[in-house]
Amino acid sequence: MKLEKPDYIDLYPYLSPKEIKEEYGSYAYSERHIQRLYKLWGLVPQDVMYKSLFDASYAIADLEQDECEWRGTFAYTLASMGQDAKQLVTKRLRAKEDHYR
């Protein structure tokens, strides 16, 4: 049983392909294969997406926060969203395992 497209989409851009492989082991495709899937699905590399998200969010951020302070807020928010995505994917994976037992 492998992770499926919705799982990879939910983990993007919070976890890199390498982190996905490390987190989910044999349930995940190889790092290179995940990169190819993301490219096939029209998703940009994680670092490009992070920069785009940061630039867009900073443009609408509180005017009283400087860029350095906003970077911390941004990083914390992404990490929190990444944890939520991992919990969702892990829950789905466990449900599939239970179904096939």
PDB file of N, CA and C in Angstrom:
ATOM      1  N   MET A   1       0.842  -1.171   0.000  1.00  0.00           N
ATOM      2  CA  MET A   1       0.000   0.000   0.000  1.00  0.00           C
ATOM      3  C   MET A   1       0.894   1.242   0.000  1.00  0.00           C
ATOM      4  N   LYS A   2       0.611   2.158  -0.904  1.00  0.00           N
ATOM      5  CA  LYS A   2       1.402   3.386  -1.047  1.00  0.00           C
ATOM      6  C   LYS A   2       0.522   4.601  -0.773  1.00  0.00           C
ATOM      7  N   LEU A   3       1.188   5.702  -0.473  1.00  0.00           N
ATOM      8  CA  LEU A   3       0.476   6.969  -0.408  1.00  0.00           C
ATOM      9  C   LEU A   3      -0.104   7.244  -1.792  1.00  0.00           C
ATOM     10  N   GLU A   4      -1.215   7.952  -1.842  1.00  0.00           N
ATOM     11  CA  GLU A   4      -1.875   8.253  -3.110  1.00  0.00           C
ATOM     12  C   GLU A   4      -1.786   9.748  -3.406  1.00  0.00           C
ATOM     13  N   LYS A   5      -2.226  10.121  -4.591  1.00  0.00           N
ATOM     14  CA  LYS A   5      -2.122  11.510  -5.022  1.00  0.00           C
ATOM     15  C   LYS A   5      -2.667  12.503  -3.985  1.00  0.00           C
ATOM     16  N   PRO A   6      -3.855  12.284  -3.405  1.00  0.00           N
ATOM     17  CA  PRO A   6      -4.349  13.252  -2.407  1.00  0.00           C
ATOM     18  C   PRO A   6      -3.400  13.412  -1.210  1.00  0.00           C
ATOM     19  N   ASP A   7      -2.699  12.333  -0.858  1.00  0.00           N
ATOM     20  CA  ASP A   7      -1.757  12.394   0.254  1.00  0.00           C
ATOM     21  C   ASP A   7      -0.572  13.295  -0.100  1.00  0.00           C
ATOM     22  N   TYR A   8      -0.020  13.084  -1.287  1.00  0.00           N
ATOM     23  CA  TYR A   8       1.114  13.903  -1.718  1.00  0.00           C
ATOM     24  C   TYR A   8       0.706  15.367  -1.868  1.00  0.00           C
ATOM     25  N   ILE A   9      -0.486  15.611  -2.364  1.00  0.00           N
ATOM     26  CA  ILE A   9      -0.978  16.984  -2.520  1.00  0.00           C
ATOM     27  C   ILE A   9      -1.142  17.635  -1.148  1.00  0.00           C
ATOM     28  N   ASP A  10      -1.678  16.901  -0.185  1.00  0.00           N
ATOM     29  CA  ASP A  10      -1.855  17.453   1.160  1.00  0.00           C
ATOM     30  C   ASP A  10      -0.519  17.771   1.833  1.00  0.00           C
ATOM     31  N   LEU A  11       0.511  17.000   1.538  1.00  0.00           N
ATOM     32  CA  LEU A  11       1.823  17.216   2.155  1.00  0.00           C
ATOM     33  C   LEU A  11       2.631  18.318   1.470  1.00  0.00           C
ATOM     34  N   TYR A  12       2.230  18.681   0.265  1.00  0.00           N
ATOM     35  CA  TYR A  12       2.924  19.726  -0.493  1.00  0.00           C
ATOM     36  C   TYR A  12       2.421  21.088  -0.050  1.00  0.00           C
ATOM     37  N   PRO A  13       3.240  22.066   0.169  1.00  0.00           N
ATOM     38  CA  PRO A  13       4.704  22.132   0.139  1.00  0.00           C
ATOM     39  C   PRO A  13       5.334  21.975   1.517  1.00  0.00           C
ATOM     40  N   TYR A  14       4.573  21.459   2.479  1.00  0.00           N
ATOM     41  CA  TYR A  14       5.053  21.426   3.861  1.00  0.00           C
ATOM     42  C   TYR A  14       6.221  20.479   4.078  1.00  0.00           C
ATOM     43  N   LEU A  15       6.211  19.345   3.409  1.00  0.00           N
ATOM     44  CA  LEU A  15       7.312  18.389   3.504  1.00  0.00           C
ATOM     45  C   LEU A  15       7.964  18.248   2.140  1.00  0.00           C
ATOM     46  N   SER A  16       9.269  18.191   2.136  1.00  0.00           N
ATOM     47  CA  SER A  16       9.996  17.964   0.888  1.00  0.00           C
ATOM     48  C   SER A  16       9.846  16.492   0.508  1.00  0.00           C
ATOM     49  N   PRO A  17      10.116  16.144  -0.739  1.00  0.00           N
ATOM     50  CA  PRO A  17      10.068  14.726  -1.118  1.00  0.00           C
ATOM     51  C   PRO A  17      10.956  13.850  -0.222  1.00  0.00           C
ATOM     52  N   LYS A  18      12.109  14.371   0.163  1.00  0.00           N
ATOM     53  CA  LYS A  18      13.008  13.617   1.049  1.00  0.00           C
ATOM     54  C   LYS A  18      12.347  13.403   2.410  1.00  0.00           C
ATOM     55  N   GLU A  19      11.724  14.444   2.957  1.00  0.00           N
ATOM     56  CA  GLU A  19      11.059  14.326   4.257  1.00  0.00           C
ATOM     57  C   GLU A  19       9.866  13.373   4.190  1.00  0.00           C
ATOM     58  N   ILE A  20       9.150  13.382   3.065  1.00  0.00           N
ATOM     59  CA  ILE A  20       8.025  12.457   2.888  1.00  0.00           C
ATOM     60  C   ILE A  20       8.533  11.024   2.927  1.00  0.00           C
ATOM     61  N   LYS A  21       9.608  10.759   2.195  1.00  0.00           N
ATOM     62  CA  LYS A  21      10.172   9.406   2.159  1.00  0.00           C
ATOM     63  C   LYS A  21      10.648   8.984   3.551  1.00  0.00           C
ATOM     64  N   GLU A  22      11.292   9.908   4.271  1.00  0.00           N
ATOM     65  CA  GLU A  22      11.771   9.591   5.617  1.00  0.00           C
ATOM     66  C   GLU A  22      10.601   9.352   6.576  1.00  0.00           C
ATOM     67  N   GLU A  23       9.560  10.150   6.464  1.00  0.00           N
ATOM     68  CA  GLU A  23       8.407  10.059   7.375  1.00  0.00           C
ATOM     69  C   GLU A  23       7.578   8.799   7.123  1.00  0.00           C
ATOM     70  N   TYR A  24       7.367   8.462   5.850  1.00  0.00           N
ATOM     71  CA  TYR A  24       6.436   7.376   5.510  1.00  0.00           C
ATOM     72  C   TYR A  24       7.106   6.115   4.995  1.00  0.00           C
ATOM     73  N   GLY A  25       8.416   6.124   4.856  1.00  0.00           N
ATOM     74  CA  GLY A  25       9.170   4.922   4.507  1.00  0.00           C
ATOM     75  C   GLY A  25       8.631   4.186   3.296  1.00  0.00           C
ATOM     76  N   SER A  26       8.331   2.910   3.477  1.00  0.00           N
ATOM     77  CA  SER A  26       7.910   2.066   2.349  1.00  0.00           C
ATOM     78  C   SER A  26       6.533   2.437   1.811  1.00  0.00           C
ATOM     79  N   TYR A  27       5.787   3.256   2.536  1.00  0.00           N
ATOM     80  CA  TYR A  27       4.481   3.704   2.042  1.00  0.00           C
ATOM     81  C   TYR A  27       4.624   4.792   0.979  1.00  0.00           C
ATOM     82  N   ALA A  28       5.790   5.425   0.914  1.00  0.00           N
ATOM     83  CA  ALA A  28       6.017   6.527  -0.020  1.00  0.00           C
ATOM     84  C   ALA A  28       6.887   6.073  -1.191  1.00  0.00           C
ATOM     85  N   TYR A  29       6.699   6.744  -2.308  1.00  0.00           N
ATOM     86  CA  TYR A  29       7.587   6.524  -3.446  1.00  0.00           C
ATOM     87  C   TYR A  29       8.962   7.112  -3.116  1.00  0.00           C
ATOM     88  N   SER A  30       9.926   6.864  -3.973  1.00  0.00           N
ATOM     89  CA  SER A  30      11.263   7.411  -3.767  1.00  0.00           C
ATOM     90  C   SER A  30      11.217   8.935  -3.897  1.00  0.00           C
ATOM     91  N   GLU A  31      12.212   9.571  -3.339  1.00  0.00           N
ATOM     92  CA  GLU A  31      12.313  11.035  -3.408  1.00  0.00           C
ATOM     93  C   GLU A  31      12.245  11.525  -4.854  1.00  0.00           C
ATOM     94  N   ARG A  32      12.986  10.895  -5.717  1.00  0.00           N
ATOM     95  CA  ARG A  32      13.013  11.293  -7.139  1.00  0.00           C
ATOM     96  C   ARG A  32      11.646  11.096  -7.787  1.00  0.00           C
ATOM     97  N   HIS A  33      10.985   9.999  -7.470  1.00  0.00           N
ATOM     98  CA  HIS A  33       9.669   9.726  -8.051  1.00  0.00           C
ATOM     99  C   HIS A  33       8.651  10.777  -7.586  1.00  0.00           C
ATOM    100  N   ILE A  34       8.720  11.160  -6.318  1.00  0.00           N
ATOM    101  CA  ILE A  34       7.819  12.193  -5.807  1.00  0.00           C
ATOM    102  C   ILE A  34       8.074  13.512  -6.543  1.00  0.00           C
ATOM    103  N   GLN A  35       9.332  13.842  -6.764  1.00  0.00           N
ATOM    104  CA  GLN A  35       9.670  15.068  -7.507  1.00  0.00           C
ATOM    105  C   GLN A  35       9.063  15.029  -8.913  1.00  0.00           C
ATOM    106  N   ARG A  36       9.167  13.869  -9.565  1.00  0.00           N
ATOM    107  CA  ARG A  36       8.599  13.739 -10.912  1.00  0.00           C
ATOM    108  C   ARG A  36       7.082  13.871 -10.888  1.00  0.00           C
ATOM    109  N   LEU A  37       6.443  13.286  -9.866  1.00  0.00           N
ATOM    110  CA  LEU A  37       4.988  13.413  -9.749  1.00  0.00           C
ATOM    111  C   LEU A  37       4.586  14.874  -9.577  1.00  0.00           C
ATOM    112  N   TYR A  38       5.270  15.586  -8.708  1.00  0.00           N
ATOM    113  CA  TYR A  38       4.958  16.996  -8.496  1.00  0.00           C
ATOM    114  C   TYR A  38       5.111  17.790  -9.788  1.00  0.00           C
ATOM    115  N   LYS A  39       6.152  17.493 -10.532  1.00  0.00           N
ATOM    116  CA  LYS A  39       6.364  18.181 -11.811  1.00  0.00           C
ATOM    117  C   LYS A  39       5.238  17.827 -12.793  1.00  0.00           C
ATOM    118  N   LEU A  40       4.874  16.558 -12.854  1.00  0.00           N
ATOM    119  CA  LEU A  40       3.797  16.098 -13.726  1.00  0.00           C
ATOM    120  C   LEU A  40       2.478  16.788 -13.375  1.00  0.00           C
ATOM    121  N   TRP A  41       2.243  17.017 -12.078  1.00  0.00           N
ATOM    122  CA  TRP A  41       1.011  17.656 -11.616  1.00  0.00           C
ATOM    123  C   TRP A  41       1.078  19.183 -11.692  1.00  0.00           C
ATOM    124  N   GLY A  42       2.192  19.699 -12.204  1.00  0.00           N
ATOM    125  CA  GLY A  42       2.321  21.149 -12.383  1.00  0.00           C
ATOM    126  C   GLY A  42       2.678  21.911 -11.117  1.00  0.00           C
ATOM    127  N   LEU A  43       3.235  21.221 -10.123  1.00  0.00           N
ATOM    128  CA  LEU A  43       3.611  21.878  -8.877  1.00  0.00           C
ATOM    129  C   LEU A  43       5.077  22.305  -8.937  1.00  0.00           C
ATOM    130  N   VAL A  44       5.350  23.505  -8.502  1.00  0.00           N
ATOM    131  CA  VAL A  44       6.724  24.020  -8.524  1.00  0.00           C
ATOM    132  C   VAL A  44       7.506  23.432  -7.350  1.00  0.00           C
ATOM    133  N   PRO A  45       8.843  23.474  -7.416  1.00  0.00           N
ATOM    134  CA  PRO A  45       9.644  22.968  -6.298  1.00  0.00           C
ATOM    135  C   PRO A  45       9.299  23.691  -4.992  1.00  0.00           C
ATOM    136  N   GLN A  46       9.517  22.984  -3.890  1.00  0.00           N
ATOM    137  CA  GLN A  46       9.141  23.483  -2.569  1.00  0.00           C
ATOM    138  C   GLN A  46       9.742  24.859  -2.268  1.00  0.00           C
ATOM    139  N   ASP A  47      11.014  25.070  -2.570  1.00  0.00           N
ATOM    140  CA  ASP A  47      11.634  26.358  -2.250  1.00  0.00           C
ATOM    141  C   ASP A  47      11.011  27.508  -3.042  1.00  0.00           C
ATOM    142  N   VAL A  48      10.638  27.245  -4.277  1.00  0.00           N
ATOM    143  CA  VAL A  48       9.983  28.260  -5.095  1.00  0.00           C
ATOM    144  C   VAL A  48       8.604  28.586  -4.530  1.00  0.00           C
ATOM    145  N   MET A  49       7.884  27.547  -4.099  1.00  0.00           N
ATOM    146  CA  MET A  49       6.557  27.758  -3.516  1.00  0.00           C
ATOM    147  C   MET A  49       6.660  28.525  -2.204  1.00  0.00           C
ATOM    148  N   TYR A  50       7.643  28.183  -1.364  1.00  0.00           N
ATOM    149  CA  TYR A  50       7.831  28.908  -0.102  1.00  0.00           C
ATOM    150  C   TYR A  50       8.049  30.399  -0.364  1.00  0.00           C
ATOM    151  N   LYS A  51       8.923  30.709  -1.321  1.00  0.00           N
ATOM    152  CA  LYS A  51       9.209  32.116  -1.620  1.00  0.00           C
ATOM    153  C   LYS A  51       7.953  32.822  -2.116  1.00  0.00           C
ATOM    154  N   SER A  52       7.215  32.171  -2.980  1.00  0.00           N
ATOM    155  CA  SER A  52       5.985  32.745  -3.510  1.00  0.00           C
ATOM    156  C   SER A  52       4.965  32.986  -2.396  1.00  0.00           C
ATOM    157  N   LEU A  53       4.791  31.995  -1.520  1.00  0.00           N
ATOM    158  CA  LEU A  53       3.863  32.138  -0.397  1.00  0.00           C
ATOM    159  C   LEU A  53       4.302  33.249   0.542  1.00  0.00           C
ATOM    160  N   PHE A  54       5.609  33.297   0.828  1.00  0.00           N
ATOM    161  CA  PHE A  54       6.103  34.338   1.726  1.00  0.00           C
ATOM    162  C   PHE A  54       5.877  35.724   1.128  1.00  0.00           C
ATOM    163  N   ASP A  55       6.246  35.886  -0.127  1.00  0.00           N
ATOM    164  CA  ASP A  55       6.086  37.191  -0.776  1.00  0.00           C
ATOM    165  C   ASP A  55       4.632  37.635  -0.779  1.00  0.00           C
ATOM    166  N   ALA A  56       3.738  36.718  -1.099  1.00  0.00           N
ATOM    167  CA  ALA A  56       2.312  37.058  -1.145  1.00  0.00           C
ATOM    168  C   ALA A  56       1.776  37.365   0.250  1.00  0.00           C
ATOM    169  N   SER A  57       2.206  36.586   1.242  1.00  0.00           N
ATOM    170  CA  SER A  57       1.690  36.810   2.596  1.00  0.00           C
ATOM    171  C   SER A  57       2.281  38.066   3.217  1.00  0.00           C
ATOM    172  N   TYR A  58       3.539  38.365   2.916  1.00  0.00           N
ATOM    173  CA  TYR A  58       4.164  39.576   3.470  1.00  0.00           C
ATOM    174  C   TYR A  58       3.528  40.830   2.894  1.00  0.00           C
ATOM    175  N   ALA A  59       3.079  40.729   1.662  1.00  0.00           N
ATOM    176  CA  ALA A  59       2.434  41.876   1.018  1.00  0.00           C
ATOM    177  C   ALA A  59       1.143  42.263   1.728  1.00  0.00           C
ATOM    178  N   ILE A  60       0.506  41.312   2.397  1.00  0.00           N
ATOM    179  CA  ILE A  60      -0.752  41.613   3.090  1.00  0.00           C
ATOM    180  C   ILE A  60      -0.609  41.527   4.612  1.00  0.00           C
ATOM    181  N   ALA A  61       0.630  41.391   5.091  1.00  0.00           N
ATOM    182  CA  ALA A  61       0.887  41.249   6.527  1.00  0.00           C
ATOM    183  C   ALA A  61       0.633  42.560   7.261  1.00  0.00           C
ATOM    184  N   ASP A  62       0.557  42.436   8.567  1.00  0.00           N
ATOM    185  CA  ASP A  62       0.400  43.600   9.435  1.00  0.00           C
ATOM    186  C   ASP A  62       1.541  44.581   9.170  1.00  0.00           C
ATOM    187  N   LEU A  63       1.215  45.813   8.909  1.00  0.00           N
ATOM    188  CA  LEU A  63       2.228  46.818   8.581  1.00  0.00           C
ATOM    189  C   LEU A  63       3.180  47.109   9.735  1.00  0.00           C
ATOM    190  N   GLU A  64       2.804  46.734  10.943  1.00  0.00           N
ATOM    191  CA  GLU A  64       3.658  47.005  12.094  1.00  0.00           C
ATOM    192  C   GLU A  64       4.704  45.918  12.315  1.00  0.00           C
ATOM    193  N   GLN A  65       4.633  44.829  11.570  1.00  0.00           N
ATOM    194  CA  GLN A  65       5.633  43.762  11.677  1.00  0.00           C
ATOM    195  C   GLN A  65       6.697  43.974  10.614  1.00  0.00           C
ATOM    196  N   ASP A  66       7.966  43.909  11.029  1.00  0.00           N
ATOM    197  CA  ASP A  66       9.021  43.997  10.026  1.00  0.00           C
ATOM    198  C   ASP A  66       9.201  42.630   9.365  1.00  0.00           C
ATOM    199  N   GLU A  67      10.001  42.596   8.322  1.00  0.00           N
ATOM    200  CA  GLU A  67      10.152  41.359   7.547  1.00  0.00           C
ATOM    201  C   GLU A  67      10.708  40.213   8.383  1.00  0.00           C
ATOM    202  N   CYS A  68      11.655  40.493   9.241  1.00  0.00           N
ATOM    203  CA  CYS A  68      12.262  39.451  10.074  1.00  0.00           C
ATOM    204  C   CYS A  68      11.216  38.835  11.007  1.00  0.00           C
ATOM    205  N   GLU A  69      10.423  39.676  11.633  1.00  0.00           N
ATOM    206  CA  GLU A  69       9.374  39.198  12.531  1.00  0.00           C
ATOM    207  C   GLU A  69       8.338  38.377  11.750  1.00  0.00           C
ATOM    208  N   TRP A  70       8.010  38.852  10.546  1.00  0.00           N
ATOM    209  CA  TRP A  70       7.035  38.135   9.729  1.00  0.00           C
ATOM    210  C   TRP A  70       7.571  36.767   9.300  1.00  0.00           C
ATOM    211  N   ARG A  71       8.868  36.687   9.019  1.00  0.00           N
ATOM    212  CA  ARG A  71       9.462  35.390   8.647  1.00  0.00           C
ATOM    213  C   ARG A  71       9.242  34.359   9.753  1.00  0.00           C
ATOM    214  N   GLY A  72       9.407  34.781  11.003  1.00  0.00           N
ATOM    215  CA  GLY A  72       9.180  33.878  12.123  1.00  0.00           C
ATOM    216  C   GLY A  72       7.731  33.425  12.199  1.00  0.00           C
ATOM    217  N   THR A  73       6.824  34.366  12.038  1.00  0.00           N
ATOM    218  CA  THR A  73       5.393  34.047  12.051  1.00  0.00           C
ATOM    219  C   THR A  73       5.048  33.102  10.905  1.00  0.00           C
ATOM    220  N   PHE A  74       5.593  33.411   9.731  1.00  0.00           N
ATOM    221  CA  PHE A  74       5.362  32.604   8.529  1.00  0.00           C
ATOM    222  C   PHE A  74       5.873  31.175   8.728  1.00  0.00           C
ATOM    223  N   ALA A  75       7.096  31.043   9.234  1.00  0.00           N
ATOM    224  CA  ALA A  75       7.690  29.713   9.445  1.00  0.00           C
ATOM    225  C   ALA A  75       6.879  28.914  10.460  1.00  0.00           C
ATOM    226  N   TYR A  76       6.465  29.560  11.529  1.00  0.00           N
ATOM    227  CA  TYR A  76       5.662  28.888  12.552  1.00  0.00           C
ATOM    228  C   TYR A  76       4.332  28.404  11.963  1.00  0.00           C
ATOM    229  N   THR A  77       3.689  29.257  11.183  1.00  0.00           N
ATOM    230  CA  THR A  77       2.405  28.909  10.574  1.00  0.00           C
ATOM    231  C   THR A  77       2.553  27.734   9.612  1.00  0.00           C
ATOM    232  N   LEU A  78       3.588  27.776   8.766  1.00  0.00           N
ATOM    233  CA  LEU A  78       3.805  26.661   7.833  1.00  0.00           C
ATOM    234  C   LEU A  78       4.101  25.363   8.577  1.00  0.00           C
ATOM    235  N   ALA A  79       4.887  25.436   9.639  1.00  0.00           N
ATOM    236  CA  ALA A  79       5.202  24.231  10.406  1.00  0.00           C
ATOM    237  C   ALA A  79       3.931  23.652  11.027  1.00  0.00           C
ATOM    238  N   SER A  80       3.083  24.512  11.540  1.00  0.00           N
ATOM    239  CA  SER A  80       1.820  24.071  12.122  1.00  0.00           C
ATOM    240  C   SER A  80       0.914  23.426  11.063  1.00  0.00           C
ATOM    241  N   MET A  81       0.835  24.049   9.909  1.00  0.00           N
ATOM    242  CA  MET A  81       0.028  23.497   8.822  1.00  0.00           C
ATOM    243  C   MET A  81       0.612  22.171   8.345  1.00  0.00           C
ATOM    244  N   GLY A  82       1.932  22.060   8.350  1.00  0.00           N
ATOM    245  CA  GLY A  82       2.588  20.815   7.967  1.00  0.00           C
ATOM    246  C   GLY A  82       2.259  19.689   8.934  1.00  0.00           C
ATOM    247  N   GLN A  83       2.229  19.996  10.224  1.00  0.00           N
ATOM    248  CA  GLN A  83       1.856  18.990  11.219  1.00  0.00           C
ATOM    249  C   GLN A  83       0.416  18.533  11.002  1.00  0.00           C
ATOM    250  N   ASP A  84      -0.467  19.481  10.709  1.00  0.00           N
ATOM    251  CA  ASP A  84      -1.865  19.133  10.435  1.00  0.00           C
ATOM    252  C   ASP A  84      -1.967  18.213   9.215  1.00  0.00           C
ATOM    253  N   ALA A  85      -1.195  18.530   8.169  1.00  0.00           N
ATOM    254  CA  ALA A  85      -1.217  17.717   6.948  1.00  0.00           C
ATOM    255  C   ALA A  85      -0.700  16.307   7.232  1.00  0.00           C
ATOM    256  N   LYS A  86       0.379  16.203   8.016  1.00  0.00           N
ATOM    257  CA  LYS A  86       0.917  14.881   8.364  1.00  0.00           C
ATOM    258  C   LYS A  86      -0.101  14.068   9.152  1.00  0.00           C
ATOM    259  N   GLN A  87      -0.789  14.701  10.082  1.00  0.00           N
ATOM    260  CA  GLN A  87      -1.803  13.985  10.867  1.00  0.00           C
ATOM    261  C   GLN A  87      -2.927  13.489   9.973  1.00  0.00           C
ATOM    262  N   LEU A  88      -3.361  14.319   9.028  1.00  0.00           N
ATOM    263  CA  LEU A  88      -4.426  13.937   8.108  1.00  0.00           C
ATOM    264  C   LEU A  88      -4.008  12.740   7.254  1.00  0.00           C
ATOM    265  N   VAL A  89      -2.812  12.803   6.689  1.00  0.00           N
ATOM    266  CA  VAL A  89      -2.331  11.727   5.824  1.00  0.00           C
ATOM    267  C   VAL A  89      -2.115  10.448   6.631  1.00  0.00           C
ATOM    268  N   THR A  90      -1.564  10.569   7.822  1.00  0.00           N
ATOM    269  CA  THR A  90      -1.339   9.399   8.672  1.00  0.00           C
ATOM    270  C   THR A  90      -2.665   8.754   9.059  1.00  0.00           C
ATOM    271  N   LYS A  91      -3.644   9.564   9.381  1.00  0.00           N
ATOM    272  CA  LYS A  91      -4.974   9.052   9.727  1.00  0.00           C
ATOM    273  C   LYS A  91      -5.586   8.297   8.544  1.00  0.00           C
ATOM    274  N   ARG A  92      -5.466   8.872   7.342  1.00  0.00           N
ATOM    275  CA  ARG A  92      -5.986   8.226   6.139  1.00  0.00           C
ATOM    276  C   ARG A  92      -5.273   6.904   5.882  1.00  0.00           C
ATOM    277  N   LEU A  93      -3.967   6.900   6.054  1.00  0.00           N
ATOM    278  CA  LEU A  93      -3.164   5.704   5.819  1.00  0.00           C
ATOM    279  C   LEU A  93      -3.558   4.594   6.807  1.00  0.00           C
ATOM    280  N   ARG A  94      -3.745   4.950   8.059  1.00  0.00           N
ATOM    281  CA  ARG A  94      -4.154   3.957   9.067  1.00  0.00           C
ATOM    282  C   ARG A  94      -5.542   3.415   8.772  1.00  0.00           C
ATOM    283  N   ALA A  95      -6.438   4.275   8.310  1.00  0.00           N
ATOM    284  CA  ALA A  95      -7.792   3.824   7.962  1.00  0.00           C
ATOM    285  C   ALA A  95      -7.731   2.812   6.815  1.00  0.00           C
ATOM    286  N   LYS A  96      -6.872   3.070   5.829  1.00  0.00           N
ATOM    287  CA  LYS A  96      -6.715   2.125   4.712  1.00  0.00           C
ATOM    288  C   LYS A  96      -6.150   0.801   5.204  1.00  0.00           C
ATOM    289  N   GLU A  97      -5.151   0.876   6.090  1.00  0.00           N
ATOM    290  CA  GLU A  97      -4.575  -0.353   6.638  1.00  0.00           C
ATOM    291  C   GLU A  97      -5.621  -1.163   7.390  1.00  0.00           C
ATOM    292  N   ASP A  98      -6.397  -0.476   8.212  1.00  0.00           N
ATOM    293  CA  ASP A  98      -7.451  -1.168   8.984  1.00  0.00           C
ATOM    294  C   ASP A  98      -8.479  -1.801   8.061  1.00  0.00           C
ATOM    295  N   HIS A  99      -8.813  -1.118   6.991  1.00  0.00           N
ATOM    296  CA  HIS A  99      -9.804  -1.624   6.041  1.00  0.00           C
ATOM    297  C   HIS A  99      -9.333  -2.913   5.370  1.00  0.00           C
ATOM    298  N   TYR A 100      -8.047  -3.006   5.093  1.00  0.00           N
ATOM    299  CA  TYR A 100      -7.524  -4.167   4.381  1.00  0.00           C
ATOM    300  C   TYR A 100      -7.020  -5.277   5.289  1.00  0.00           C
ATOM    301  N   ARG A 101      -7.185  -5.142   6.577  1.00  0.00           N
ATOM    302  CA  ARG A 101      -6.748  -6.212   7.501  1.00  0.00           C
ATOM    303  C   ARG A 101      -7.764  -7.297   7.583  1.00  0.00           C
TER     304      ARG A 101
END
